[in-house]
Amino acid sequence: DGCELIVAASDAQHVWDTLVDESGVTPCGLAARDVLRLEAGLMLY
């Protein structure tokens, strides 16, 4: 489950900091994303 957010480029840092620093959401990179989507059977173009 989850969601995706689109914000103005100038607001990206503020939203990122809010979620990471205030809400404790863990920053994740492309390697984890690739394993997660593969486990879910999702294709990569």
PDB file of all heavy atoms in Angstrom:
ATOM      1  N   ASP A   1       0.855  -1.177   0.000  1.00  0.00           N
ATOM      2  CA  ASP A   1       0.000   0.000   0.000  1.00  0.00           C
ATOM      3  C   ASP A   1       0.895   1.232   0.000  1.00  0.00           C
ATOM      4  O   ASP A   1       2.079   1.167   0.347  1.00  0.00           O
ATOM      5  CB  ASP A   1      -0.901  -0.016   1.234  1.00  0.00           C
ATOM      6  CG  ASP A   1      -2.028   1.014   1.151  1.00  0.00           C
ATOM      7  OD1 ASP A   1      -2.221   1.600   0.062  1.00  0.00           O
ATOM      8  OD2 ASP A   1      -2.710   1.216   2.168  1.00  0.00           O
ATOM      9  N   GLY A   2       0.348   2.365  -0.359  1.00  0.00           N
ATOM     10  CA  GLY A   2       1.144   3.579  -0.351  1.00  0.00           C
ATOM     11  C   GLY A   2       0.548   4.637  -1.242  1.00  0.00           C
ATOM     12  O   GLY A   2      -0.569   4.505  -1.748  1.00  0.00           O
ATOM     13  N   CYS A   3       1.304   5.689  -1.434  1.00  0.00           N
ATOM     14  CA  CYS A   3       0.836   6.781  -2.272  1.00  0.00           C
ATOM     15  C   CYS A   3       2.031   7.459  -2.929  1.00  0.00           C
ATOM     16  O   CYS A   3       3.189   7.259  -2.546  1.00  0.00           O
ATOM     17  CB  CYS A   3       0.018   7.784  -1.467  1.00  0.00           C
ATOM     18  SG  CYS A   3       0.871   8.431  -0.012  1.00  0.00           S
ATOM     19  N   GLU A   4       1.720   8.248  -3.937  1.00  0.00           N
ATOM     20  CA  GLU A   4       2.735   9.035  -4.635  1.00  0.00           C
ATOM     21  C   GLU A   4       2.303  10.491  -4.625  1.00  0.00           C
ATOM     22  O   GLU A   4       1.114  10.802  -4.786  1.00  0.00           O
ATOM     23  CB  GLU A   4       2.924   8.500  -6.056  1.00  0.00           C
ATOM     24  CG  GLU A   4       3.523   7.099  -6.043  1.00  0.00           C
ATOM     25  CD  GLU A   4       3.671   6.472  -7.422  1.00  0.00           C
ATOM     26  OE1 GLU A   4       2.660   6.420  -8.151  1.00  0.00           O
ATOM     27  OE2 GLU A   4       4.788   6.034  -7.752  1.00  0.00           O
ATOM     28  N   LEU A   5       3.265  11.362  -4.427  1.00  0.00           N
ATOM     29  CA  LEU A   5       3.022  12.795  -4.310  1.00  0.00           C
ATOM     30  C   LEU A   5       3.747  13.542  -5.421  1.00  0.00           C
ATOM     31  O   LEU A   5       4.914  13.257  -5.693  1.00  0.00           O
ATOM     32  CB  LEU A   5       3.529  13.315  -2.956  1.00  0.00           C
ATOM     33  CG  LEU A   5       2.897  12.730  -1.698  1.00  0.00           C
ATOM     34  CD1 LEU A   5       3.781  13.010  -0.489  1.00  0.00           C
ATOM     35  CD2 LEU A   5       1.515  13.324  -1.485  1.00  0.00           C
ATOM     36  N   ILE A   6       3.059  14.479  -6.036  1.00  0.00           N
ATOM     37  CA  ILE A   6       3.682  15.389  -6.995  1.00  0.00           C
ATOM     38  C   ILE A   6       3.566  16.795  -6.425  1.00  0.00           C
ATOM     39  O   ILE A   6       2.468  17.259  -6.101  1.00  0.00           O
ATOM     40  CB  ILE A   6       3.008  15.312  -8.374  1.00  0.00           C
ATOM     41  CG1 ILE A   6       3.165  13.898  -8.955  1.00  0.00           C
ATOM     42  CG2 ILE A   6       3.603  16.345  -9.327  1.00  0.00           C
ATOM     43  CD1 ILE A   6       2.445  13.701 -10.277  1.00  0.00           C
ATOM     44  N   VAL A   7       4.707  17.461  -6.273  1.00  0.00           N
ATOM     45  CA  VAL A   7       4.763  18.811  -5.711  1.00  0.00           C
ATOM     46  C   VAL A   7       5.653  19.675  -6.600  1.00  0.00           C
ATOM     47  O   VAL A   7       6.386  19.161  -7.454  1.00  0.00           O
ATOM     48  CB  VAL A   7       5.311  18.801  -4.266  1.00  0.00           C
ATOM     49  CG1 VAL A   7       4.429  17.958  -3.369  1.00  0.00           C
ATOM     50  CG2 VAL A   7       6.750  18.295  -4.235  1.00  0.00           C
ATOM     51  N   ALA A   8       5.592  20.971  -6.403  1.00  0.00           N
ATOM     52  CA  ALA A   8       6.502  21.869  -7.116  1.00  0.00           C
ATOM     53  C   ALA A   8       7.940  21.509  -6.762  1.00  0.00           C
ATOM     54  O   ALA A   8       8.235  21.123  -5.630  1.00  0.00           O
ATOM     55  CB  ALA A   8       6.207  23.319  -6.756  1.00  0.00           C
ATOM     56  N   ALA A   9       8.829  21.629  -7.730  1.00  0.00           N
ATOM     57  CA  ALA A   9      10.236  21.298  -7.488  1.00  0.00           C
ATOM     58  C   ALA A   9      10.790  22.077  -6.298  1.00  0.00           C
ATOM     59  O   ALA A   9      11.579  21.543  -5.510  1.00  0.00           O
ATOM     60  CB  ALA A   9      11.048  21.571  -8.745  1.00  0.00           C
ATOM     61  N   SER A  10      10.365  23.307  -6.155  1.00  0.00           N
ATOM     62  CA  SER A  10      10.862  24.155  -5.058  1.00  0.00           C
ATOM     63  C   SER A  10      10.362  23.699  -3.686  1.00  0.00           C
ATOM     64  O   SER A  10      10.915  24.090  -2.661  1.00  0.00           O
ATOM     65  CB  SER A  10      10.444  25.608  -5.301  1.00  0.00           C
ATOM     66  OG  SER A  10       9.031  25.713  -5.413  1.00  0.00           O
ATOM     67  N   ASP A  11       9.303  22.863  -3.657  1.00  0.00           N
ATOM     68  CA  ASP A  11       8.751  22.368  -2.389  1.00  0.00           C
ATOM     69  C   ASP A  11       9.220  20.960  -2.045  1.00  0.00           C
ATOM     70  O   ASP A  11       8.882  20.429  -0.975  1.00  0.00           O
ATOM     71  CB  ASP A  11       7.219  22.369  -2.454  1.00  0.00           C
ATOM     72  CG  ASP A  11       6.636  23.765  -2.515  1.00  0.00           C
ATOM     73  OD1 ASP A  11       7.238  24.677  -1.913  1.00  0.00           O
ATOM     74  OD2 ASP A  11       5.587  23.943  -3.162  1.00  0.00           O
ATOM     75  N   ALA A  12       9.992  20.345  -2.930  1.00  0.00           N
ATOM     76  CA  ALA A  12      10.367  18.948  -2.741  1.00  0.00           C
ATOM     77  C   ALA A  12      11.143  18.730  -1.447  1.00  0.00           C
ATOM     78  O   ALA A  12      10.882  17.771  -0.698  1.00  0.00           O
ATOM     79  CB  ALA A  12      11.184  18.459  -3.937  1.00  0.00           C
ATOM     80  N   GLN A  13      12.106  19.579  -1.154  1.00  0.00           N
ATOM     81  CA  GLN A  13      12.929  19.398   0.039  1.00  0.00           C
ATOM     82  C   GLN A  13      12.087  19.501   1.308  1.00  0.00           C
ATOM     83  O   GLN A  13      12.259  18.711   2.249  1.00  0.00           O
ATOM     84  CB  GLN A  13      14.038  20.451   0.062  1.00  0.00           C
ATOM     85  CG  GLN A  13      15.070  20.224   1.156  1.00  0.00           C
ATOM     86  CD  GLN A  13      15.895  18.976   0.905  1.00  0.00           C
ATOM     87  OE1 GLN A  13      16.594  18.893  -0.101  1.00  0.00           O
ATOM     88  NE2 GLN A  13      15.808  18.001   1.803  1.00  0.00           N
ATOM     89  N   HIS A  14      11.167  20.447   1.333  1.00  0.00           N
ATOM     90  CA  HIS A  14      10.305  20.634   2.499  1.00  0.00           C
ATOM     91  C   HIS A  14       9.452  19.390   2.744  1.00  0.00           C
ATOM     92  O   HIS A  14       9.336  18.907   3.895  1.00  0.00           O
ATOM     93  CB  HIS A  14       9.421  21.864   2.293  1.00  0.00           C
ATOM     94  CG  HIS A  14       8.332  22.013   3.302  1.00  0.00           C
ATOM     95  ND1 HIS A  14       8.578  22.189   4.649  1.00  0.00           N
ATOM     96  CD2 HIS A  14       6.972  21.991   3.160  1.00  0.00           C
ATOM     97  CE1 HIS A  14       7.432  22.284   5.296  1.00  0.00           C
ATOM     98  NE2 HIS A  14       6.443  22.162   4.420  1.00  0.00           N
ATOM     99  N   VAL A  15       8.870  18.843   1.697  1.00  0.00           N
ATOM    100  CA  VAL A  15       8.018  17.659   1.842  1.00  0.00           C
ATOM    101  C   VAL A  15       8.850  16.447   2.235  1.00  0.00           C
ATOM    102  O   VAL A  15       8.467  15.661   3.115  1.00  0.00           O
ATOM    103  CB  VAL A  15       7.239  17.402   0.536  1.00  0.00           C
ATOM    104  CG1 VAL A  15       6.479  16.081   0.614  1.00  0.00           C
ATOM    105  CG2 VAL A  15       6.278  18.554   0.261  1.00  0.00           C
ATOM    106  N   TRP A  16      10.009  16.286   1.606  1.00  0.00           N
ATOM    107  CA  TRP A  16      10.910  15.181   1.951  1.00  0.00           C
ATOM    108  C   TRP A  16      11.304  15.242   3.431  1.00  0.00           C
ATOM    109  O   TRP A  16      11.216  14.242   4.154  1.00  0.00           O
ATOM    110  CB  TRP A  16      12.151  15.243   1.061  1.00  0.00           C
ATOM    111  CG  TRP A  16      13.236  14.255   1.381  1.00  0.00           C
ATOM    112  CD1 TRP A  16      14.226  14.390   2.307  1.00  0.00           C
ATOM    113  CD2 TRP A  16      13.452  12.969   0.767  1.00  0.00           C
ATOM    114  NE1 TRP A  16      15.052  13.284   2.308  1.00  0.00           N
ATOM    115  CE2 TRP A  16      14.601  12.402   1.383  1.00  0.00           C
ATOM    116  CE3 TRP A  16      12.808  12.258  -0.237  1.00  0.00           C
ATOM    117  CZ2 TRP A  16      15.115  11.151   1.016  1.00  0.00           C
ATOM    118  CZ3 TRP A  16      13.305  11.009  -0.602  1.00  0.00           C
ATOM    119  CH2 TRP A  16      14.446  10.462   0.021  1.00  0.00           C
ATOM    120  N   ASP A  17      11.737  16.415   3.889  1.00  0.00           N
ATOM    121  CA  ASP A  17      12.162  16.569   5.286  1.00  0.00           C
ATOM    122  C   ASP A  17      11.010  16.301   6.252  1.00  0.00           C
ATOM    123  O   ASP A  17      11.210  15.707   7.326  1.00  0.00           O
ATOM    124  CB  ASP A  17      12.712  17.977   5.515  1.00  0.00           C
ATOM    125  CG  ASP A  17      14.044  18.211   4.822  1.00  0.00           C
ATOM    126  OD1 ASP A  17      14.688  17.221   4.414  1.00  0.00           O
ATOM    127  OD2 ASP A  17      14.434  19.387   4.667  1.00  0.00           O
ATOM    128  N   THR A  18       9.811  16.731   5.880  1.00  0.00           N
ATOM    129  CA  THR A  18       8.651  16.494   6.728  1.00  0.00           C
ATOM    130  C   THR A  18       8.415  15.008   6.933  1.00  0.00           C
ATOM    131  O   THR A  18       8.190  14.539   8.053  1.00  0.00           O
ATOM    132  CB  THR A  18       7.396  17.144   6.121  1.00  0.00           C
ATOM    133  OG1 THR A  18       7.584  18.562   6.050  1.00  0.00           O
ATOM    134  CG2 THR A  18       6.160  16.830   6.958  1.00  0.00           C
ATOM    135  N   LEU A  19       8.487  14.246   5.855  1.00  0.00           N
ATOM    136  CA  LEU A  19       8.214  12.812   5.935  1.00  0.00           C
ATOM    137  C   LEU A  19       9.357  12.033   6.583  1.00  0.00           C
ATOM    138  O   LEU A  19       9.126  11.101   7.358  1.00  0.00           O
ATOM    139  CB  LEU A  19       7.924  12.263   4.538  1.00  0.00           C
ATOM    140  CG  LEU A  19       6.579  12.696   3.958  1.00  0.00           C
ATOM    141  CD1 LEU A  19       6.515  12.430   2.464  1.00  0.00           C
ATOM    142  CD2 LEU A  19       5.436  11.988   4.673  1.00  0.00           C
ATOM    143  N   VAL A  20      10.601  12.425   6.283  1.00  0.00           N
ATOM    144  CA  VAL A  20      11.752  11.702   6.821  1.00  0.00           C
ATOM    145  C   VAL A  20      12.027  12.086   8.265  1.00  0.00           C
ATOM    146  O   VAL A  20      12.191  11.217   9.144  1.00  0.00           O
ATOM    147  CB  VAL A  20      13.001  11.946   5.948  1.00  0.00           C
ATOM    148  CG1 VAL A  20      14.246  11.334   6.592  1.00  0.00           C
ATOM    149  CG2 VAL A  20      12.796  11.359   4.549  1.00  0.00           C
ATOM    150  N   ASP A  21      12.070  13.385   8.554  1.00  0.00           N
ATOM    151  CA  ASP A  21      12.460  13.846   9.886  1.00  0.00           C
ATOM    152  C   ASP A  21      11.302  13.830  10.887  1.00  0.00           C
ATOM    153  O   ASP A  21      11.489  13.450  12.048  1.00  0.00           O
ATOM    154  CB  ASP A  21      13.035  15.258   9.802  1.00  0.00           C
ATOM    155  CG  ASP A  21      14.302  15.319   8.952  1.00  0.00           C
ATOM    156  OD1 ASP A  21      14.961  14.270   8.824  1.00  0.00           O
ATOM    157  OD2 ASP A  21      14.608  16.392   8.404  1.00  0.00           O
ATOM    158  N   GLU A  22      10.124  14.244  10.454  1.00  0.00           N
ATOM    159  CA  GLU A  22       8.996  14.325  11.383  1.00  0.00           C
ATOM    160  C   GLU A  22       8.236  13.001  11.487  1.00  0.00           C
ATOM    161  O   GLU A  22       7.824  12.607  12.581  1.00  0.00           O
ATOM    162  CB  GLU A  22       8.028  15.434  10.952  1.00  0.00           C
ATOM    163  CG  GLU A  22       8.598  16.834  11.057  1.00  0.00           C
ATOM    164  CD  GLU A  22       7.562  17.893  10.736  1.00  0.00           C
ATOM    165  OE1 GLU A  22       6.351  17.572  10.766  1.00  0.00           O
ATOM    166  OE2 GLU A  22       7.959  19.035  10.435  1.00  0.00           O
ATOM    167  N   SER A  23       8.039  12.317  10.354  1.00  0.00           N
ATOM    168  CA  SER A  23       7.227  11.098  10.362  1.00  0.00           C
ATOM    169  C   SER A  23       8.056   9.826  10.424  1.00  0.00           C
ATOM    170  O   SER A  23       7.502   8.731  10.549  1.00  0.00           O
ATOM    171  CB  SER A  23       6.324  11.071   9.118  1.00  0.00           C
ATOM    172  OG  SER A  23       5.418  12.146   9.138  1.00  0.00           O
ATOM    173  N   GLY A  24       9.384   9.944  10.311  1.00  0.00           N
ATOM    174  CA  GLY A  24      10.249   8.785  10.445  1.00  0.00           C
ATOM    175  C   GLY A  24      10.197   7.809   9.285  1.00  0.00           C
ATOM    176  O   GLY A  24      10.498   6.622   9.459  1.00  0.00           O
ATOM    177  N   VAL A  25       9.827   8.277   8.108  1.00  0.00           N
ATOM    178  CA  VAL A  25       9.788   7.418   6.931  1.00  0.00           C
ATOM    179  C   VAL A  25      11.220   7.183   6.443  1.00  0.00           C
ATOM    180  O   VAL A  25      12.031   8.117   6.379  1.00  0.00           O
ATOM    181  CB  VAL A  25       8.920   8.046   5.826  1.00  0.00           C
ATOM    182  CG1 VAL A  25       8.902   7.154   4.596  1.00  0.00           C
ATOM    183  CG2 VAL A  25       7.492   8.260   6.338  1.00  0.00           C
ATOM    184  N   THR A  26      11.559   5.960   6.086  1.00  0.00           N
ATOM    185  CA  THR A  26      12.927   5.580   5.737  1.00  0.00           C
ATOM    186  C   THR A  26      13.257   5.895   4.279  1.00  0.00           C
ATOM    187  O   THR A  26      12.545   5.431   3.381  1.00  0.00           O
ATOM    188  CB  THR A  26      13.135   4.073   5.963  1.00  0.00           C
ATOM    189  OG1 THR A  26      12.872   3.767   7.334  1.00  0.00           O
ATOM    190  CG2 THR A  26      14.553   3.648   5.604  1.00  0.00           C
ATOM    191  N   PRO A  27      14.320   6.654   4.008  1.00  0.00           N
ATOM    192  CA  PRO A  27      14.754   6.871   2.620  1.00  0.00           C
ATOM    193  C   PRO A  27      15.204   5.554   1.989  1.00  0.00           C
ATOM    194  O   PRO A  27      15.946   4.779   2.608  1.00  0.00           O
ATOM    195  CB  PRO A  27      15.925   7.840   2.758  1.00  0.00           C
ATOM    196  CG  PRO A  27      15.731   8.500   4.074  1.00  0.00           C
ATOM    197  CD  PRO A  27      15.125   7.453   4.955  1.00  0.00           C
ATOM    198  N   CYS A  28      14.755   5.304   0.763  1.00  0.00           N
ATOM    199  CA  CYS A  28      15.061   4.052   0.065  1.00  0.00           C
ATOM    200  C   CYS A  28      15.530   4.353  -1.352  1.00  0.00           C
ATOM    201  O   CYS A  28      15.079   5.316  -1.973  1.00  0.00           O
ATOM    202  CB  CYS A  28      13.834   3.147   0.007  1.00  0.00           C
ATOM    203  SG  CYS A  28      13.172   2.674   1.616  1.00  0.00           S
ATOM    204  N   GLY A  29      16.426   3.490  -1.853  1.00  0.00           N
ATOM    205  CA  GLY A  29      16.995   3.693  -3.171  1.00  0.00           C
ATOM    206  C   GLY A  29      16.469   2.736  -4.222  1.00  0.00           C
ATOM    207  O   GLY A  29      15.595   1.891  -3.968  1.00  0.00           O
ATOM    208  N   LEU A  30      17.047   2.843  -5.408  1.00  0.00           N
ATOM    209  CA  LEU A  30      16.580   2.067  -6.549  1.00  0.00           C
ATOM    210  C   LEU A  30      16.778   0.562  -6.368  1.00  0.00           C
ATOM    211  O   LEU A  30      15.992  -0.235  -6.890  1.00  0.00           O
ATOM    212  CB  LEU A  30      17.309   2.520  -7.816  1.00  0.00           C
ATOM    213  CG  LEU A  30      17.025   3.936  -8.313  1.00  0.00           C
ATOM    214  CD1 LEU A  30      17.896   4.238  -9.522  1.00  0.00           C
ATOM    215  CD2 LEU A  30      15.556   4.102  -8.663  1.00  0.00           C
ATOM    216  N   ALA A  31      17.814   0.144  -5.648  1.00  0.00           N
ATOM    217  CA  ALA A  31      18.067  -1.291  -5.483  1.00  0.00           C
ATOM    218  C   ALA A  31      16.940  -1.952  -4.707  1.00  0.00           C
ATOM    219  O   ALA A  31      16.442  -3.022  -5.097  1.00  0.00           O
ATOM    220  CB  ALA A  31      19.410  -1.510  -4.797  1.00  0.00           C
ATOM    221  N   ALA A  32      16.516  -1.345  -3.607  1.00  0.00           N
ATOM    222  CA  ALA A  32      15.406  -1.899  -2.839  1.00  0.00           C
ATOM    223  C   ALA A  32      14.123  -1.873  -3.653  1.00  0.00           C
ATOM    224  O   ALA A  32      13.334  -2.825  -3.634  1.00  0.00           O
ATOM    225  CB  ALA A  32      15.227  -1.119  -1.537  1.00  0.00           C
ATOM    226  N   ARG A  33      13.925  -0.793  -4.385  1.00  0.00           N
ATOM    227  CA  ARG A  33      12.722  -0.678  -5.222  1.00  0.00           C
ATOM    228  C   ARG A  33      12.672  -1.782  -6.267  1.00  0.00           C
ATOM    229  O   ARG A  33      11.609  -2.345  -6.571  1.00  0.00           O
ATOM    230  CB  ARG A  33      12.708   0.704  -5.884  1.00  0.00           C
ATOM    231  CG  ARG A  33      11.418   1.080  -6.615  1.00  0.00           C
ATOM    232  CD  ARG A  33      11.458   2.551  -6.963  1.00  0.00           C
ATOM    233  NE  ARG A  33      10.256   3.005  -7.650  1.00  0.00           N
ATOM    234  CZ  ARG A  33      10.217   3.380  -8.919  1.00  0.00           C
ATOM    235  NH1 ARG A  33      11.317   3.323  -9.662  1.00  0.00           N
ATOM    236  NH2 ARG A  33       9.099   3.807  -9.465  1.00  0.00           N
ATOM    237  N   ASP A  34      13.832  -2.146  -6.817  1.00  0.00           N
ATOM    238  CA  ASP A  34      13.874  -3.174  -7.845  1.00  0.00           C
ATOM    239  C   ASP A  34      13.509  -4.539  -7.275  1.00  0.00           C
ATOM    240  O   ASP A  34      12.779  -5.313  -7.900  1.00  0.00           O
ATOM    241  CB  ASP A  34      15.262  -3.217  -8.485  1.00  0.00           C
ATOM    242  CG  ASP A  34      15.277  -4.016  -9.768  1.00  0.00           C
ATOM    243  OD1 ASP A  34      14.448  -3.740 -10.658  1.00  0.00           O
ATOM    244  OD2 ASP A  34      16.119  -4.920  -9.901  1.00  0.00           O
ATOM    245  N   VAL A  35      14.003  -4.844  -6.080  1.00  0.00           N
ATOM    246  CA  VAL A  35      13.665  -6.126  -5.454  1.00  0.00           C
ATOM    247  C   VAL A  35      12.186  -6.156  -5.068  1.00  0.00           C
ATOM    248  O   VAL A  35      11.493  -7.157  -5.281  1.00  0.00           O
ATOM    249  CB  VAL A  35      14.548  -6.382  -4.221  1.00  0.00           C
ATOM    250  CG1 VAL A  35      14.122  -7.667  -3.513  1.00  0.00           C
ATOM    251  CG2 VAL A  35      16.013  -6.459  -4.614  1.00  0.00           C
ATOM    252  N   LEU A  36      11.686  -5.061  -4.520  1.00  0.00           N
ATOM    253  CA  LEU A  36      10.287  -4.986  -4.115  1.00  0.00           C
ATOM    254  C   LEU A  36       9.352  -5.183  -5.298  1.00  0.00           C
ATOM    255  O   LEU A  36       8.391  -5.960  -5.231  1.00  0.00           O
ATOM    256  CB  LEU A  36      10.016  -3.636  -3.441  1.00  0.00           C
ATOM    257  CG  LEU A  36      10.665  -3.419  -2.069  1.00  0.00           C
ATOM    258  CD1 LEU A  36      10.773  -1.938  -1.760  1.00  0.00           C
ATOM    259  CD2 LEU A  36       9.873  -4.136  -0.983  1.00  0.00           C
ATOM    260  N   ARG A  37       9.628  -4.496  -6.397  1.00  0.00           N
ATOM    261  CA  ARG A  37       8.725  -4.608  -7.559  1.00  0.00           C
ATOM    262  C   ARG A  37       8.830  -5.989  -8.180  1.00  0.00           C
ATOM    263  O   ARG A  37       7.838  -6.527  -8.686  1.00  0.00           O
ATOM    264  CB  ARG A  37       9.020  -3.499  -8.570  1.00  0.00           C
ATOM    265  CG  ARG A  37      10.365  -3.553  -9.297  1.00  0.00           C
ATOM    266  CD  ARG A  37      10.331  -4.357 -10.571  1.00  0.00           C
ATOM    267  NE  ARG A  37      11.674  -4.555 -11.124  1.00  0.00           N
ATOM    268  CZ  ARG A  37      11.919  -5.415 -12.100  1.00  0.00           C
ATOM    269  NH1 ARG A  37      10.969  -6.149 -12.631  1.00  0.00           N
ATOM    270  NH2 ARG A  37      13.156  -5.566 -12.547  1.00  0.00           N
ATOM    271  N   LEU A  38      10.021  -6.616  -8.146  1.00  0.00           N
ATOM    272  CA  LEU A  38      10.166  -7.958  -8.696  1.00  0.00           C
ATOM    273  C   LEU A  38       9.377  -8.959  -7.861  1.00  0.00           C
ATOM    274  O   LEU A  38       8.680  -9.833  -8.408  1.00  0.00           O
ATOM    275  CB  LEU A  38      11.638  -8.337  -8.765  1.00  0.00           C
ATOM    276  CG  LEU A  38      11.962  -9.731  -9.318  1.00  0.00           C
ATOM    277  CD1 LEU A  38      11.392  -9.920 -10.719  1.00  0.00           C
ATOM    278  CD2 LEU A  38      13.474  -9.956  -9.326  1.00  0.00           C
ATOM    279  N   GLU A  39       9.466  -8.872  -6.538  1.00  0.00           N
ATOM    280  CA  GLU A  39       8.677  -9.754  -5.676  1.00  0.00           C
ATOM    281  C   GLU A  39       7.181  -9.625  -5.971  1.00  0.00           C
ATOM    282  O   GLU A  39       6.432 -10.597  -5.897  1.00  0.00           O
ATOM    283  CB  GLU A  39       8.940  -9.430  -4.205  1.00  0.00           C
ATOM    284  CG  GLU A  39      10.321  -9.817  -3.716  1.00  0.00           C
ATOM    285  CD  GLU A  39      10.542  -9.467  -2.262  1.00  0.00           C
ATOM    286  OE1 GLU A  39       9.863  -8.546  -1.738  1.00  0.00           O
ATOM    287  OE2 GLU A  39      11.390 -10.120  -1.628  1.00  0.00           O
ATOM    288  N   ALA A  40       6.766  -8.400  -6.321  1.00  0.00           N
ATOM    289  CA  ALA A  40       5.354  -8.146  -6.625  1.00  0.00           C
ATOM    290  C   ALA A  40       4.995  -8.503  -8.061  1.00  0.00           C
ATOM    291  O   ALA A  40       3.839  -8.317  -8.470  1.00  0.00           O
ATOM    292  CB  ALA A  40       5.031  -6.672  -6.360  1.00  0.00           C
ATOM    293  N   GLY A  41       5.964  -9.014  -8.833  1.00  0.00           N
ATOM    294  CA  GLY A  41       5.702  -9.417 -10.203  1.00  0.00           C
ATOM    295  C   GLY A  41       5.468  -8.263 -11.147  1.00  0.00           C
ATOM    296  O   GLY A  41       4.791  -8.412 -12.175  1.00  0.00           O
ATOM    297  N   LEU A  42       6.039  -7.094 -10.850  1.00  0.00           N
ATOM    298  CA  LEU A  42       5.853  -5.907 -11.679  1.00  0.00           C
ATOM    299  C   LEU A  42       6.997  -5.781 -12.679  1.00  0.00           C
ATOM    300  O   LEU A  42       8.164  -5.951 -12.333  1.00  0.00           O
ATOM    301  CB  LEU A  42       5.761  -4.659 -10.802  1.00  0.00           C
ATOM    302  CG  LEU A  42       4.615  -4.680  -9.773  1.00  0.00           C
ATOM    303  CD1 LEU A  42       4.700  -3.470  -8.867  1.00  0.00           C
ATOM    304  CD2 LEU A  42       3.263  -4.743 -10.473  1.00  0.00           C
ATOM    305  N   MET A  43       6.646  -5.440 -13.921  1.00  0.00           N
ATOM    306  CA  MET A  43       7.629  -5.372 -14.994  1.00  0.00           C
ATOM    307  C   MET A  43       8.439  -4.072 -14.939  1.00  0.00           C
ATOM    308  O   MET A  43       7.939  -3.027 -14.517  1.00  0.00           O
ATOM    309  CB  MET A  43       6.942  -5.433 -16.365  1.00  0.00           C
ATOM    310  CG  MET A  43       6.010  -6.618 -16.575  1.00  0.00           C
ATOM    311  SD  MET A  43       6.846  -8.199 -16.614  1.00  0.00           S
ATOM    312  CE  MET A  43       6.252  -8.911 -15.078  1.00  0.00           C
ATOM    313  N   LEU A  44       9.684  -4.143 -15.392  1.00  0.00           N
ATOM    314  CA  LEU A  44      10.536  -2.966 -15.544  1.00  0.00           C
ATOM    315  C   LEU A  44      10.795  -2.747 -17.021  1.00  0.00           C
ATOM    316  O   LEU A  44      11.332  -3.630 -17.704  1.00  0.00           O
ATOM    317  CB  LEU A  44      11.864  -3.153 -14.807  1.00  0.00           C
ATOM    318  CG  LEU A  44      12.910  -2.048 -15.018  1.00  0.00           C
ATOM    319  CD1 LEU A  44      12.394  -0.708 -14.493  1.00  0.00           C
ATOM    320  CD2 LEU A  44      14.229  -2.402 -14.351  1.00  0.00           C
ATOM    321  N   TYR A  45      10.421  -1.561 -17.514  1.00  0.00           N
ATOM    322  CA  TYR A  45      10.641  -1.282 -18.930  1.00  0.00           C
ATOM    323  C   TYR A  45      12.144  -1.230 -19.227  1.00  0.00           C
ATOM    324  O   TYR A  45      12.922  -0.677 -18.470  1.00  0.00           O
ATOM    325  CB  TYR A  45       9.991   0.040 -19.377  1.00  0.00           C
ATOM    326  CG  TYR A  45       9.946   0.103 -20.887  1.00  0.00           C
ATOM    327  CD1 TYR A  45       8.849  -0.368 -21.582  1.00  0.00           C
ATOM    328  CD2 TYR A  45      11.056   0.542 -21.619  1.00  0.00           C
ATOM    329  CE1 TYR A  45       8.829  -0.385 -22.975  1.00  0.00           C
ATOM    330  CE2 TYR A  45      11.055   0.521 -22.998  1.00  0.00           C
ATOM    331  CZ  TYR A  45       9.935   0.053 -23.663  1.00  0.00           C
ATOM    332  OH  TYR A  45       9.940   0.018 -25.037  1.00  0.00           O
TER     333      TYR A  45
END
